[in-house]
């Protein structure tokens, strides 16, 4: 009941290789997760700010032309 069969050892070996094998796969995954969390938090901060009016670009006056001709 307390013994590990060869199938269990194979599963453990595969999990260890996936997590720690290669060039920092685990750190790469955690880094991507950290970037996602940071972007989510920034999105929450921006949620409380009012959006700029859509007509702001239209309110900018065009340069006036000289009447000299």
Protein backbone atom coordinates (compact mmCIF):
# COMPACT_ATOMS: atom_id res chain seq x y z
CA UNK A 1 0.00 0.00 0.00
CA UNK A 2 2.86 2.39 0.66
CA UNK A 3 5.00 1.30 -2.28
CA UNK A 4 5.45 3.15 -5.53
CA UNK A 5 4.96 1.19 -8.74
CA UNK A 6 7.07 1.90 -11.85
CA UNK A 7 4.16 3.83 -13.36
CA UNK A 8 4.20 6.22 -10.40
CA UNK A 9 7.95 6.77 -10.78
CA UNK A 10 7.50 7.51 -14.50
CA UNK A 11 4.81 10.08 -13.74
CA UNK A 12 7.01 11.72 -11.08
CA UNK A 13 9.96 11.79 -13.51
CA UNK A 14 7.84 13.41 -16.25
CA UNK A 15 6.55 16.08 -13.84
CA UNK A 16 10.08 16.86 -12.63
CA UNK A 17 11.37 17.11 -16.21
CA UNK A 18 8.53 19.41 -17.26
CA UNK A 19 9.01 21.72 -14.28
CA UNK A 20 12.79 21.81 -14.04
CA UNK A 21 14.01 20.56 -17.41
CA UNK A 22 15.43 22.72 -20.17
CA UNK A 23 16.37 26.37 -19.86
CA UNK A 24 14.24 27.57 -16.99
CA UNK A 25 10.82 26.56 -18.20
CA UNK A 26 9.42 27.06 -14.73
CA UNK A 27 10.93 30.52 -14.36
CA UNK A 28 9.68 31.43 -17.83
CA UNK A 29 6.16 30.35 -16.96
CA UNK A 30 6.23 32.21 -13.66
CA UNK A 31 7.62 35.31 -15.37
CA UNK A 32 4.76 35.26 -17.88
CA UNK A 33 2.26 34.82 -15.04
CA UNK A 34 3.83 37.78 -13.22
CA UNK A 35 3.51 39.97 -16.30
CA UNK A 36 -0.14 39.01 -16.62
CA UNK A 37 -0.86 39.83 -12.99
CA UNK A 38 0.93 43.18 -13.32
CA UNK A 39 -1.10 44.07 -16.43
CA UNK A 40 -4.30 43.08 -14.63
CA UNK A 41 -3.48 45.34 -11.68
CA UNK A 42 -2.70 48.27 -13.99
CA UNK A 43 -6.01 47.68 -15.72
CA UNK A 44 -7.80 47.85 -12.40
CA UNK A 45 -6.08 51.14 -11.55
CA UNK A 46 -7.14 52.65 -14.87
CA UNK A 47 -10.73 51.51 -14.33
CA UNK A 48 -11.39 54.19 -11.70
CA UNK A 49 -10.21 57.04 -13.91
CA UNK A 50 -12.77 58.72 -16.16
CA UNK A 51 -12.25 58.15 -19.86
CA UNK A 52 -11.25 61.19 -21.91
CA UNK A 53 -14.10 62.59 -23.98
CA UNK A 54 -14.27 61.28 -27.53
CA UNK A 55 -14.69 64.82 -28.89
CA UNK A 56 -11.37 66.01 -27.42
CA UNK A 57 -9.65 65.64 -30.78
CA UNK A 58 -12.44 67.52 -32.54
CA UNK A 59 -12.14 70.47 -30.13
CA UNK A 60 -8.58 71.18 -31.23
CA UNK A 61 -8.71 74.18 -33.51
CA UNK A 62 -7.09 74.10 -36.90
CA UNK A 63 -4.52 76.83 -37.58
CA UNK A 64 -6.08 79.95 -39.02
CA UNK A 65 -5.06 80.97 -42.52
CA UNK A 66 -3.85 84.47 -43.23
CA UNK A 67 -6.25 86.78 -45.08
CA UNK A 68 -3.30 88.05 -47.10
CA UNK A 69 -3.46 86.68 -50.54
